[in-house]
Amino acid sequence: MAEPELKSRSSRESVAKAVSQEKMGTAEGASNQDGLIAEQPESPSTPMVSAPTAADPTNSPPDKGEKIKLKRSITLFNGVGMIIGTIIGSGIFVTPTGVIKETGSAGLSLIIWSACGVVSTMGALCYAELGTTIVKSGGDYTYILEVYGELAAFLKLWVEMLIIRPSSQYVVSLVFATYLLKPLYPTCPVPDSAAKLIACACLASLTFVNCISVRAATKVQDLFTASKLLALIIIILFGFIKISTGDVPYLTPEKAFEGSKMGVDNIVLALYSGLFAFGGWNYLNYVTEEMINPERNLPLAIIISMPIVTVVYVLTNLAYFTTISPEEMVESEAVAVSFGEYHLGVMAWLIPVFVGLSCFGAVNGSLFTSARLFYAGAREGQLPAALGLVHTDLFTPVPSLIFTCLLSMLYAISQDIFSVINLFSFFTWLCVGMAIAGLVWLRITKPDLRRPIKVYLFIPVTFVLGCVFMIIVSFWAAPFESLVGSSIILTGIPAYLLGYKWKKPHMVKKMLEIFTMFCQKIFMSVPEEKEKQEVVE
């Protein structure tokens, strides 16, 4: 599973020598990169150095002596596009029914959507502090590693790698394929084989774009984020036009809250559905090291994007209620399509097209951040060293991107992928809660750390309590599935002991080293080169 032995001095020298012979450059193989900003390291196992300075944000070929590493090329605009594009997937177009099903009325539904936006923004602000305090890519994984240690971080990585990231990427690409092919099959379901083929082609094409250039990947993200926002703005405009006519029976003061379900269980499940719709606000933290001036741009991207998503979600649902009753919305298979058929007439085909574009952009953002997660795991020695390689000319983690793509494609074999995803409905909230609880812990144990952003303490405390609430609701709503998911998480313990902690025989180490050098040659990639102060430490 991992190759911690490649971190030794002799292994680094042998790898560097082999790469030099292939004229591919040299690199250091040490994996423990620093993230916490402090004046002095507290221990050899958790070194803390100053934040790396911004590198040239271009993807031009390296000059002689230029270090091989991921470059800082993600701008503030790119960061906003990544957060918005990752949060807004197909759900708001197709099935924004989880909230209305539990609330029973338009008015209460809009209040729940607003509350979920506020709660999600609180969590995002906590991640702004974490991302500017621990200036390393990897998001939740990096923060859990720093606070809770290697085992907890490995279990996070284990589940993300095997199930959550590849399955979710494949599902969204499958939705994209279904909407792309639907015009060819207007009167019957889209064939599974055709949809799966297009889904795999979507994954392959986006992986290629991400391998070629970070700039290309961020431009794709920006383009498709703009397209989905345009689609939602069209829906919102038609909603306001409808409101201006005064013919909005489901939004009148008399009927807006008619049929509201005020039971505690209904409100809890409505919040549960709404908060899941905001998932993805933490993805920018997975690429902190590639942001230009992250101390400024990471918090700004969060502060700009979260209110935009919240307002768009609330206004889109408001627009739906101008035309569609709460009962019809619950029964509808594609709410935005029904809305488009009513208002757009012959141009109603635009909505399915925009849904497909939205899914395409969401897959791109997920691939981009997933590759950085596995890259960070390899750099820490918890995944094979081959996944921690950087292309010598393109400055992209090509092996990690290809690995992410292949894992996602494997889920095309599954006949019931949604049942697999449902096993881990609580896992995201567990990891986010642990990361933000770690923020509070760092405040107490390391008060002298430099924190460019520092949120009021009640925000992380409140959000951690919210995460505990979400975990409890997950086990309450689906106890069997949650227990099965917990058991699968625990299978990471033997993998951790055998793949990471086990002192491997010479033969195994040699095979792993040969595989790493093979990947270096095939993908023209080398380990990231460290700054001088990191090498000294």
Protein backbone atom coordinates (compact mmCIF):
# COMPACT_ATOMS: atom_id res chain seq x y z
CA MET A 1 0.00 0.00 0.00
CA ALA A 2 2.76 2.44 0.88
CA GLU A 3 6.51 2.78 0.50
CA PRO A 4 7.89 4.54 3.56
CA GLU A 5 11.25 2.87 2.93
CA LEU A 6 11.78 5.02 -0.15
CA LYS A 7 12.20 7.94 2.21
CA SER A 8 15.60 6.65 3.35
CA ARG A 9 18.76 8.38 2.17
CA SER A 10 20.10 5.43 0.21
CA SER A 11 16.81 4.91 -1.63
CA ARG A 12 16.61 8.59 -2.53
CA GLU A 13 20.12 8.48 -3.94
CA SER A 14 19.43 5.35 -5.98
CA VAL A 15 16.24 6.78 -7.42
CA ALA A 16 17.93 10.08 -8.22
CA LYS A 17 20.79 8.26 -9.93
CA ALA A 18 18.44 6.22 -12.11
CA VAL A 19 16.44 9.27 -13.07
CA SER A 20 19.59 11.20 -13.91
CA GLN A 21 20.63 8.45 -16.30
CA GLU A 22 17.30 8.86 -18.07
CA LYS A 23 17.89 12.65 -18.28
CA MET A 24 14.69 13.33 -16.44
CA GLY A 25 16.04 15.48 -13.62
CA THR A 26 16.62 14.71 -9.98
CA ALA A 27 14.47 15.01 -6.92
CA GLU A 28 14.39 14.40 -3.21
CA GLY A 29 12.19 11.55 -2.02
CA ALA A 30 11.48 12.72 1.51
CA SER A 31 7.79 12.71 2.22
CA ASN A 32 7.18 14.73 5.37
CA GLN A 33 6.56 18.26 4.03
CA ASP A 34 5.84 21.00 6.47
CA GLY A 35 2.59 22.81 6.83
CA LEU A 36 2.21 24.59 10.14
CA ILE A 37 3.46 28.14 10.28
CA ALA A 38 5.61 28.57 13.38
CA GLU A 39 8.97 29.89 14.37
CA GLN A 40 10.39 26.62 15.67
CA PRO A 41 9.49 22.96 15.03
CA GLU A 42 8.01 21.20 18.03
CA SER A 43 9.31 17.74 17.24
CA PRO A 44 11.19 15.92 14.47
CA SER A 45 8.06 13.96 13.58
CA THR A 46 5.94 17.06 13.03
CA PRO A 47 8.27 19.75 11.67
CA MET A 48 6.89 23.23 11.30
CA VAL A 49 8.45 25.72 8.89
CA SER A 50 7.52 28.99 7.33
CA ALA A 51 4.96 29.05 4.56
CA PRO A 52 6.49 28.51 1.11
CA THR A 53 6.71 31.60 -1.02
CA ALA A 54 4.63 31.86 -4.13
CA ALA A 55 6.24 30.31 -7.20
CA ASP A 56 5.93 31.42 -10.79
CA PRO A 57 2.29 30.74 -11.66
CA THR A 58 2.95 29.43 -15.14
CA ASN A 59 3.16 26.04 -16.71
CA SER A 60 6.14 26.81 -18.93
CA PRO A 61 8.98 24.30 -19.20
CA PRO A 62 11.40 24.51 -16.28
CA ASP A 63 14.63 26.47 -16.50
CA LYS A 64 17.85 24.88 -15.38
CA GLY A 65 17.87 24.67 -11.62
CA GLU A 66 14.11 25.25 -11.34
CA LYS A 67 12.62 22.93 -8.77
CA ILE A 68 10.18 20.25 -9.86
CA LYS A 69 7.01 20.70 -7.84
CA LEU A 70 3.37 21.68 -8.23
CA LYS A 71 3.29 25.35 -9.20
CA ARG A 72 1.17 28.12 -7.71
CA SER A 73 -1.19 28.90 -10.58
CA ILE A 74 -4.69 28.90 -9.04
CA THR A 75 -6.01 32.45 -8.84
CA LEU A 76 -8.78 33.88 -6.69
CA PHE A 77 -11.18 33.61 -9.62
CA ASN A 78 -10.21 29.96 -10.15
CA GLY A 79 -10.75 29.26 -6.47
CA VAL A 80 -14.24 30.75 -6.52
CA GLY A 81 -15.05 28.73 -9.62
CA MET A 82 -13.79 25.53 -8.01
CA ILE A 83 -15.90 25.92 -4.86
CA ILE A 84 -19.08 26.94 -6.70
CA GLY A 85 -18.59 24.38 -9.45
CA THR A 86 -18.03 21.55 -7.00
CA ILE A 87 -20.98 22.37 -4.74
CA ILE A 88 -23.49 22.91 -7.55
CA GLY A 89 -23.89 19.58 -9.29
CA SER A 90 -26.98 18.02 -10.82
CA GLY A 91 -29.03 17.89 -7.62
CA ILE A 92 -30.43 21.43 -7.70
CA PHE A 93 -31.62 20.80 -11.29
CA VAL A 94 -32.91 17.27 -10.94
CA THR A 95 -34.03 16.37 -7.42
CA PRO A 96 -34.04 19.23 -4.88
CA THR A 97 -36.81 17.25 -3.19
CA GLY A 98 -35.21 16.01 0.03
CA VAL A 99 -35.92 19.27 1.85
CA ILE A 100 -39.47 19.86 0.56
CA LYS A 101 -40.42 16.24 1.22
CA GLU A 102 -39.67 16.69 4.93
CA THR A 103 -40.88 20.29 5.37
CA GLY A 104 -44.14 20.00 3.42
CA SER A 105 -44.39 23.69 2.49
CA ALA A 106 -42.61 26.25 0.32
CA GLY A 107 -42.03 28.73 3.13
CA LEU A 108 -40.45 26.31 5.58
CA SER A 109 -38.38 24.79 2.77
CA LEU A 110 -36.83 28.16 1.92
CA ILE A 111 -36.01 28.77 5.58
CA ILE A 112 -34.23 25.40 5.78
CA TRP A 113 -32.23 26.12 2.61
CA SER A 114 -31.14 29.47 4.07
CA ALA A 115 -30.15 27.87 7.38
CA CYS A 116 -28.11 25.19 5.60
CA GLY A 117 -26.26 27.89 3.69
CA VAL A 118 -25.38 29.73 6.91
CA VAL A 119 -24.17 26.52 8.60
CA SER A 120 -22.08 25.53 5.57
CA THR A 121 -20.53 29.01 5.48
CA MET A 122 -19.54 28.63 9.13
CA GLY A 123 -17.73 25.40 8.30
CA ALA A 124 -16.06 27.00 5.29
CA LEU A 125 -14.78 29.88 7.43
CA CYS A 126 -13.22 27.36 9.82
CA TYR A 127 -11.47 25.79 6.85
CA ALA A 128 -10.19 29.21 5.86
CA GLU A 129 -8.36 29.35 9.20
CA LEU A 130 -7.12 25.76 8.86
CA GLY A 131 -5.93 26.33 5.29
CA THR A 132 -3.92 29.43 6.18
CA THR A 133 -2.48 27.89 9.36
CA ILE A 134 -1.53 24.51 7.91
CA VAL A 135 -0.31 25.55 4.48
CA LYS A 136 -0.30 22.11 2.91
CA SER A 137 -2.50 20.55 0.27
CA GLY A 138 -4.62 17.57 1.20
CA GLY A 139 -7.55 19.15 3.02
CA ASP A 140 -9.17 17.02 5.72
CA TYR A 141 -6.47 14.36 5.38
CA THR A 142 -3.66 16.78 6.15
CA TYR A 143 -5.45 18.34 9.12
CA ILE A 144 -6.33 14.96 10.62
CA LEU A 145 -2.74 13.80 10.14
CA GLU A 146 -1.41 16.87 11.90
CA VAL A 147 -3.76 16.64 14.89
CA TYR A 148 -4.73 12.98 15.32
CA GLY A 149 -1.76 11.13 13.88
CA GLU A 150 -1.02 8.61 11.17
CA LEU A 151 -3.68 5.94 11.78
CA ALA A 152 -6.68 8.30 11.72
CA ALA A 153 -5.32 10.01 8.60
CA PHE A 154 -4.73 6.67 6.88
CA LEU A 155 -8.30 5.52 7.55
CA LYS A 156 -9.56 8.76 6.01
CA LEU A 157 -7.34 8.19 2.98
CA TRP A 158 -8.33 4.51 2.75
CA VAL A 159 -12.07 5.16 2.45
CA GLU A 160 -11.68 8.19 0.20
CA MET A 161 -9.41 6.26 -2.15
CA LEU A 162 -11.39 3.02 -2.41
CA ILE A 163 -14.97 4.22 -2.28
CA ILE A 164 -15.98 7.84 -1.81
CA ARG A 165 -13.93 9.68 -4.46
CA PRO A 166 -14.06 7.15 -7.32
CA SER A 167 -17.72 6.20 -6.79
CA SER A 168 -18.96 9.78 -6.61
CA GLN A 169 -16.94 10.78 -9.68
CA TYR A 170 -18.33 7.88 -11.66
CA VAL A 171 -21.92 8.57 -10.57
CA VAL A 172 -21.76 12.23 -11.65
CA SER A 173 -20.15 11.30 -14.97
CA LEU A 174 -22.95 8.73 -15.46
CA VAL A 175 -25.58 11.44 -14.91
CA PHE A 176 -23.73 13.58 -17.47
CA ALA A 177 -23.79 10.69 -19.95
CA THR A 178 -27.49 10.01 -19.36
CA TYR A 179 -28.49 13.61 -20.07
CA LEU A 180 -26.19 13.79 -23.07
CA LEU A 181 -27.76 10.70 -24.65
CA LYS A 182 -31.38 11.35 -23.65
CA PRO A 183 -32.25 13.29 -26.85
CA LEU A 184 -31.30 10.15 -28.83
CA TYR A 185 -33.68 8.03 -26.73
CA PRO A 186 -36.68 10.34 -26.14
CA THR A 187 -39.25 7.58 -25.59
CA CYS A 188 -37.21 4.96 -23.76
CA PRO A 189 -34.50 4.71 -21.08
CA VAL A 190 -30.90 5.33 -22.11
CA PRO A 191 -29.07 1.96 -22.53
CA ASP A 192 -26.73 1.23 -19.63
CA SER A 193 -23.85 0.18 -21.86
CA ALA A 194 -23.97 3.42 -23.87
CA ALA A 195 -24.21 5.57 -20.73
CA LYS A 196 -21.30 3.76 -19.09
CA LEU A 197 -19.16 4.16 -22.21
CA ILE A 198 -19.81 7.90 -22.37
CA ALA A 199 -19.19 8.21 -18.61
CA CYS A 200 -15.78 6.57 -18.96
CA ALA A 201 -15.01 8.81 -21.95
CA CYS A 202 -15.91 11.83 -19.78
CA LEU A 203 -13.50 10.67 -17.05
CA ALA A 204 -10.72 9.97 -19.56
CA SER A 205 -11.04 13.31 -21.36
CA LEU A 206 -11.04 15.32 -18.13
CA THR A 207 -8.08 13.35 -16.81
CA PHE A 208 -6.20 14.21 -20.00
CA VAL A 209 -6.99 17.92 -19.55
CA ASN A 210 -5.84 17.81 -15.92
CA CYS A 211 -2.61 16.06 -16.90
CA ILE A 212 -1.79 18.57 -19.62
CA SER A 213 -2.05 21.72 -17.56
CA VAL A 214 -3.36 23.12 -14.31
CA ARG A 215 -4.37 26.24 -16.23
CA ALA A 216 -6.40 24.16 -18.69
CA ALA A 217 -8.14 22.34 -15.85
CA THR A 218 -9.02 25.56 -14.03
CA LYS A 219 -10.27 27.17 -17.25
CA VAL A 220 -12.53 24.17 -17.86
CA GLN A 221 -13.78 24.53 -14.29
CA ASP A 222 -14.42 28.25 -14.72
CA LEU A 223 -16.25 27.72 -18.03
CA PHE A 224 -18.61 25.05 -16.74
CA THR A 225 -19.19 26.87 -13.46
CA ALA A 226 -20.29 29.88 -15.50
CA SER A 227 -22.59 27.69 -17.60
CA LYS A 228 -24.39 26.20 -14.60
CA LEU A 229 -24.75 29.63 -12.99
CA LEU A 230 -26.20 30.92 -16.27
CA ALA A 231 -28.75 28.09 -16.27
CA LEU A 232 -29.79 28.83 -12.70
CA ILE A 233 -29.98 32.57 -13.40
CA ILE A 234 -32.35 31.82 -16.30
CA ILE A 235 -34.56 29.79 -13.96
CA ILE A 236 -34.43 32.55 -11.33
CA LEU A 237 -35.33 35.25 -13.89
CA PHE A 238 -38.37 33.31 -15.06
CA GLY A 239 -39.32 32.89 -11.42
CA PHE A 240 -39.21 36.64 -10.82
CA ILE A 241 -41.19 37.25 -14.01
CA LYS A 242 -43.81 34.87 -12.67
CA ILE A 243 -43.81 36.66 -9.31
CA SER A 244 -44.29 40.02 -11.06
CA THR A 245 -47.55 38.71 -12.54
CA GLY A 246 -48.87 38.02 -9.04
CA ASP A 247 -49.92 34.48 -10.03
CA VAL A 248 -47.92 32.55 -7.41
CA PRO A 249 -50.47 30.60 -5.34
CA TYR A 250 -47.86 28.53 -3.49
CA LEU A 251 -46.03 31.62 -2.20
CA THR A 252 -48.91 33.70 -0.88
CA PRO A 253 -48.83 34.45 2.86
CA GLU A 254 -51.86 32.20 3.33
CA LYS A 255 -50.40 29.16 1.58
CA ALA A 256 -46.62 29.56 1.92
CA PHE A 257 -46.56 27.62 5.19
CA GLU A 258 -49.65 25.53 4.61
CA GLY A 259 -48.95 21.85 5.31
CA SER A 260 -45.68 22.53 7.15
CA LYS A 261 -44.31 19.55 9.04
CA MET A 262 -42.98 20.93 12.31
CA GLY A 263 -41.97 17.64 13.90
CA VAL A 264 -38.42 17.39 15.20
CA ASP A 265 -37.74 14.35 13.00
CA ASN A 266 -38.92 16.23 9.88
CA ILE A 267 -36.78 19.30 10.60
CA VAL A 268 -33.76 17.11 11.34
CA LEU A 269 -34.07 15.15 8.08
CA ALA A 270 -34.70 18.36 6.12
CA LEU A 271 -31.48 19.89 7.50
CA TYR A 272 -29.68 16.64 6.77
CA SER A 273 -30.73 16.76 3.09
CA GLY A 274 -30.00 20.46 2.74
CA LEU A 275 -26.51 20.28 4.22
CA PHE A 276 -25.59 17.43 1.88
CA ALA A 277 -26.60 19.64 -1.05
CA PHE A 278 -23.89 22.11 0.05
CA GLY A 279 -21.18 19.43 0.10
CA GLY A 280 -17.92 20.44 -1.57
CA TRP A 281 -17.20 23.76 0.17
CA ASN A 282 -13.96 22.29 1.59
CA TYR A 283 -12.47 21.15 -1.73
CA LEU A 284 -10.30 24.22 -2.30
CA ASN A 285 -8.28 23.25 0.79
CA TYR A 286 -7.05 20.19 -1.10
CA VAL A 287 -4.98 22.44 -3.40
CA THR A 288 -3.69 25.07 -0.97
CA GLU A 289 -0.08 24.74 -2.15
CA GLU A 290 -1.09 25.52 -5.74
CA MET A 291 -2.92 28.75 -4.91
CA ILE A 292 -1.35 32.11 -5.60
CA ASN A 293 -1.13 33.94 -2.26
CA PRO A 294 -3.29 31.45 -0.35
CA GLU A 295 -3.32 33.58 2.82
CA ARG A 296 -5.39 36.13 0.92
CA ASN A 297 -7.10 34.15 -1.84
CA LEU A 298 -8.25 31.07 0.09
CA PRO A 299 -10.37 33.01 2.62
CA LEU A 300 -11.59 35.43 -0.07
CA ALA A 301 -12.65 32.57 -2.36
CA ILE A 302 -14.68 31.06 0.49
CA ILE A 303 -16.20 34.40 1.52
CA ILE A 304 -17.22 35.16 -2.08
CA SER A 305 -18.46 31.74 -3.16
CA MET A 306 -20.52 30.58 -0.17
CA PRO A 307 -23.00 33.52 -0.18
CA ILE A 308 -23.33 33.13 -3.96
CA VAL A 309 -24.22 29.43 -3.64
CA THR A 310 -26.64 30.10 -0.78
CA VAL A 311 -28.46 32.90 -2.60
CA VAL A 312 -28.60 30.88 -5.84
CA TYR A 313 -29.98 27.81 -4.05
CA VAL A 314 -32.66 29.79 -2.21
CA LEU A 315 -33.73 31.81 -5.27
CA THR A 316 -33.79 28.72 -7.51
CA ASN A 317 -36.13 26.93 -5.11
CA LEU A 318 -38.20 30.13 -4.87
CA ALA A 319 -38.46 30.12 -8.68
CA TYR A 320 -39.55 26.48 -8.69
CA PHE A 321 -42.35 27.25 -6.23
CA THR A 322 -43.72 29.98 -8.50
CA THR A 323 -44.71 27.27 -10.97
CA ILE A 324 -44.62 23.87 -9.27
CA SER A 325 -46.50 22.93 -6.13
CA PRO A 326 -44.67 21.24 -3.24
CA GLU A 327 -46.56 18.00 -3.96
CA GLU A 328 -45.58 18.05 -7.65
CA MET A 329 -41.99 18.79 -6.77
CA VAL A 330 -41.77 15.71 -4.56
CA GLU A 331 -43.14 13.52 -7.36
CA SER A 332 -41.09 15.07 -10.19
CA GLU A 333 -38.13 13.11 -11.56
CA ALA A 334 -36.43 16.28 -12.84
CA VAL A 335 -37.77 19.52 -11.35
CA ALA A 336 -35.77 21.88 -13.58
CA VAL A 337 -36.90 20.03 -16.70
CA SER A 338 -40.55 20.37 -15.65
CA PHE A 339 -39.96 24.06 -14.96
CA GLY A 340 -38.31 24.48 -18.37
CA GLU A 341 -41.15 22.76 -20.21
CA TYR A 342 -43.59 25.23 -18.67
CA HIS A 343 -41.61 28.43 -19.36
CA LEU A 344 -39.26 27.69 -22.29
CA GLY A 345 -41.54 25.78 -24.64
CA VAL A 346 -39.58 24.60 -27.68
CA MET A 347 -36.34 25.72 -25.99
CA ALA A 348 -36.91 23.41 -23.01
CA TRP A 349 -34.10 21.19 -24.29
CA LEU A 350 -31.67 23.79 -22.91
CA ILE A 351 -32.24 22.63 -19.34
CA PRO A 352 -31.05 19.01 -19.88
CA VAL A 353 -28.02 20.40 -21.72
CA PHE A 354 -27.18 22.65 -18.79
CA VAL A 355 -27.62 19.73 -16.38
CA GLY A 356 -25.07 17.76 -18.39
CA LEU A 357 -22.66 20.69 -18.43
CA SER A 358 -23.08 21.08 -14.67
CA CYS A 359 -22.18 17.43 -14.12
CA PHE A 360 -19.17 17.70 -16.44
CA GLY A 361 -17.79 20.62 -14.44
CA ALA A 362 -18.42 18.84 -11.13
CA VAL A 363 -16.45 15.79 -12.32
CA ASN A 364 -13.56 18.05 -13.33
CA GLY A 365 -13.38 19.67 -9.91
CA SER A 366 -13.56 16.33 -8.13
CA LEU A 367 -10.81 14.79 -10.28
CA PHE A 368 -8.59 17.80 -9.74
CA THR A 369 -8.86 17.66 -5.94
CA SER A 370 -8.87 13.85 -5.66
CA ALA A 371 -5.52 13.62 -7.41
CA ARG A 372 -4.08 16.13 -4.92
CA LEU A 373 -5.44 14.10 -2.01
CA PHE A 374 -3.70 10.93 -3.20
CA TYR A 375 -0.59 12.93 -4.05
CA ALA A 376 -0.50 14.26 -0.48
CA GLY A 377 -0.95 10.72 0.87
CA ALA A 378 1.97 9.45 -1.20
CA ARG A 379 4.13 12.38 -0.12
CA GLU A 380 3.50 11.43 3.51
CA GLY A 381 4.48 7.83 2.73
CA GLN A 382 0.98 6.37 3.26
CA LEU A 383 0.37 5.55 -0.41
CA PRO A 384 2.80 4.16 -3.02
CA ALA A 385 5.56 6.62 -3.83
CA ALA A 386 4.60 6.49 -7.51
CA LEU A 387 1.49 8.56 -6.71
CA GLY A 388 3.69 11.37 -5.36
CA LEU A 389 5.46 12.06 -8.66
CA VAL A 390 5.27 15.32 -10.62
CA HIS A 391 5.68 15.63 -14.40
CA THR A 392 8.98 17.32 -15.20
CA ASP A 393 7.55 19.69 -17.85
CA LEU A 394 3.85 20.02 -17.05
CA PHE A 395 4.15 20.27 -13.24
CA THR A 396 1.03 18.13 -12.74
CA PRO A 397 0.66 14.93 -10.66
CA VAL A 398 0.16 12.73 -13.73
CA PRO A 399 0.42 9.29 -12.00
CA SER A 400 -2.05 10.32 -9.32
CA LEU A 401 -4.50 11.68 -11.90
CA ILE A 402 -4.38 8.49 -13.98
CA PHE A 403 -4.77 6.37 -10.83
CA THR A 404 -7.85 8.41 -9.84
CA CYS A 405 -9.37 7.99 -13.30
CA LEU A 406 -8.83 4.22 -13.38
CA LEU A 407 -10.31 3.76 -9.92
CA SER A 408 -13.42 5.69 -10.99
CA MET A 409 -13.81 3.63 -14.16
CA LEU A 410 -13.76 0.42 -12.13
CA TYR A 411 -17.14 1.40 -10.69
CA ALA A 412 -18.65 0.92 -14.14
CA ILE A 413 -18.70 -2.79 -13.21
CA SER A 414 -21.03 -2.13 -10.26
CA GLN A 415 -24.74 -2.73 -10.79
CA ASP A 416 -25.87 -0.83 -7.68
CA ILE A 417 -23.33 1.88 -6.98
CA PHE A 418 -25.74 4.02 -4.96
CA SER A 419 -26.04 1.37 -2.26
CA VAL A 420 -22.26 1.51 -1.85
CA ILE A 421 -22.26 5.31 -1.51
CA ASN A 422 -25.09 5.22 1.04
CA LEU A 423 -22.93 3.14 3.38
CA PHE A 424 -20.75 6.19 4.05
CA SER A 425 -23.28 9.00 4.41
CA PHE A 426 -21.82 9.82 7.84
CA PHE A 427 -18.14 9.64 6.92
CA THR A 428 -17.80 13.10 5.40
CA TRP A 429 -19.25 14.72 8.51
CA LEU A 430 -17.01 12.62 10.72
CA CYS A 431 -13.87 13.81 8.91
CA VAL A 432 -14.96 17.46 8.68
CA GLY A 433 -15.92 17.44 12.35
CA MET A 434 -12.55 15.95 13.33
CA ALA A 435 -10.70 18.56 11.26
CA ILE A 436 -12.56 21.50 12.80
CA ALA A 437 -12.26 20.02 16.30
CA GLY A 438 -8.53 19.92 15.50
CA LEU A 439 -8.69 23.67 14.88
CA VAL A 440 -9.92 24.15 18.45
CA TRP A 441 -7.22 21.77 19.73
CA LEU A 442 -4.49 23.72 17.92
CA ARG A 443 -5.81 26.94 19.43
CA ILE A 444 -5.26 25.41 22.88
CA THR A 445 -2.01 23.47 22.38
CA LYS A 446 -0.25 25.77 19.87
CA PRO A 447 -1.47 29.29 20.61
CA ASP A 448 1.65 30.87 19.06
CA LEU A 449 1.04 29.54 15.56
CA ARG A 450 0.69 32.26 12.97
CA ARG A 451 -2.97 32.48 11.95
CA PRO A 452 -3.67 34.98 9.14
CA ILE A 453 -7.37 34.19 9.58
CA LYS A 454 -8.83 33.57 13.03
CA VAL A 455 -12.56 32.96 13.41
CA TYR A 456 -14.53 33.47 16.61
CA LEU A 457 -14.33 30.33 18.74
CA PHE A 458 -18.09 29.83 18.88
CA ILE A 459 -18.10 29.16 15.11
CA PRO A 460 -15.96 25.98 15.17
CA VAL A 461 -17.56 24.80 18.41
CA THR A 462 -21.06 25.23 16.95
CA PHE A 463 -20.08 23.52 13.72
CA VAL A 464 -18.52 20.54 15.49
CA LEU A 465 -21.77 20.08 17.41
CA GLY A 466 -23.55 20.22 14.05
CA CYS A 467 -21.29 17.48 12.70
CA VAL A 468 -22.05 15.31 15.73
CA PHE A 469 -25.74 15.91 15.01
CA MET A 470 -25.31 14.84 11.37
CA ILE A 471 -23.47 11.65 12.37
CA ILE A 472 -26.20 10.74 14.88
CA VAL A 473 -28.89 11.38 12.26
CA SER A 474 -27.03 9.15 9.78
CA PHE A 475 -27.01 6.24 12.22
CA TRP A 476 -30.62 6.92 13.21
CA ALA A 477 -31.90 7.13 9.63
CA ALA A 478 -29.90 4.16 8.27
CA PRO A 479 -28.43 2.16 11.19
CA PHE A 480 -27.59 -1.00 9.25
CA GLU A 481 -25.89 0.82 6.37
CA SER A 482 -23.92 3.00 8.80
CA LEU A 483 -22.71 -0.02 10.76
CA VAL A 484 -21.63 -1.76 7.55
CA GLY A 485 -19.80 1.41 6.49
CA SER A 486 -18.06 1.61 9.88
CA SER A 487 -16.91 -2.01 9.50
CA ILE A 488 -15.46 -1.27 6.07
CA ILE A 489 -13.59 1.73 7.51
CA LEU A 490 -12.01 -0.54 10.12
CA THR A 491 -10.63 -2.80 7.37
CA GLY A 492 -8.13 0.01 6.87
CA ILE A 493 -6.38 -0.95 10.13
CA PRO A 494 -4.76 -4.16 8.79
CA ALA A 495 -3.98 -2.30 5.55
CA TYR A 496 -2.27 0.39 7.64
CA LEU A 497 -0.22 -2.17 9.57
CA LEU A 498 0.80 -4.23 6.54
CA GLY A 499 1.18 -1.49 3.97
CA TYR A 500 2.64 1.32 6.06
CA LYS A 501 3.97 0.18 9.42
CA TRP A 502 5.31 -3.23 8.40
CA LYS A 503 9.07 -3.31 7.89
CA LYS A 504 9.12 -4.88 4.46
CA PRO A 505 11.68 -7.50 3.37
CA HIS A 506 14.39 -6.42 1.00
CA MET A 507 12.70 -8.16 -1.94
CA VAL A 508 9.43 -6.27 -1.43
CA LYS A 509 11.26 -2.96 -1.08
CA LYS A 510 13.19 -3.64 -4.26
CA MET A 511 10.02 -4.45 -6.20
CA LEU A 512 8.34 -1.28 -5.00
CA GLU A 513 11.39 0.76 -5.92
CA ILE A 514 11.48 -0.77 -9.40
CA PHE A 515 7.77 0.01 -9.85
CA THR A 516 8.32 3.62 -8.80
CA MET A 517 11.20 4.08 -11.25
CA PHE A 518 9.10 2.44 -13.98
CA CYS A 519 6.38 5.03 -13.36
CA GLN A 520 8.98 7.79 -13.40
CA LYS A 521 10.11 6.72 -16.86
CA ILE A 522 6.64 6.05 -18.31
CA PHE A 523 5.07 9.27 -17.03
CA MET A 524 8.23 11.43 -17.21
CA SER A 525 7.75 12.29 -13.56
CA VAL A 526 9.97 12.64 -10.51
CA PRO A 527 9.42 13.18 -6.79
CA GLU A 528 8.81 16.74 -5.69
CA GLU A 529 12.01 18.62 -4.88
CA LYS A 530 12.17 20.11 -1.42
CA GLU A 531 13.17 23.61 -0.39
CA LYS A 532 16.56 23.90 1.28
CA GLN A 533 15.15 24.50 4.75
CA GLU A 534 12.99 21.38 4.46
CA VAL A 535 15.97 19.25 3.45
CA VAL A 536 18.02 20.53 6.38
CA GLU A 537 15.26 19.63 8.82
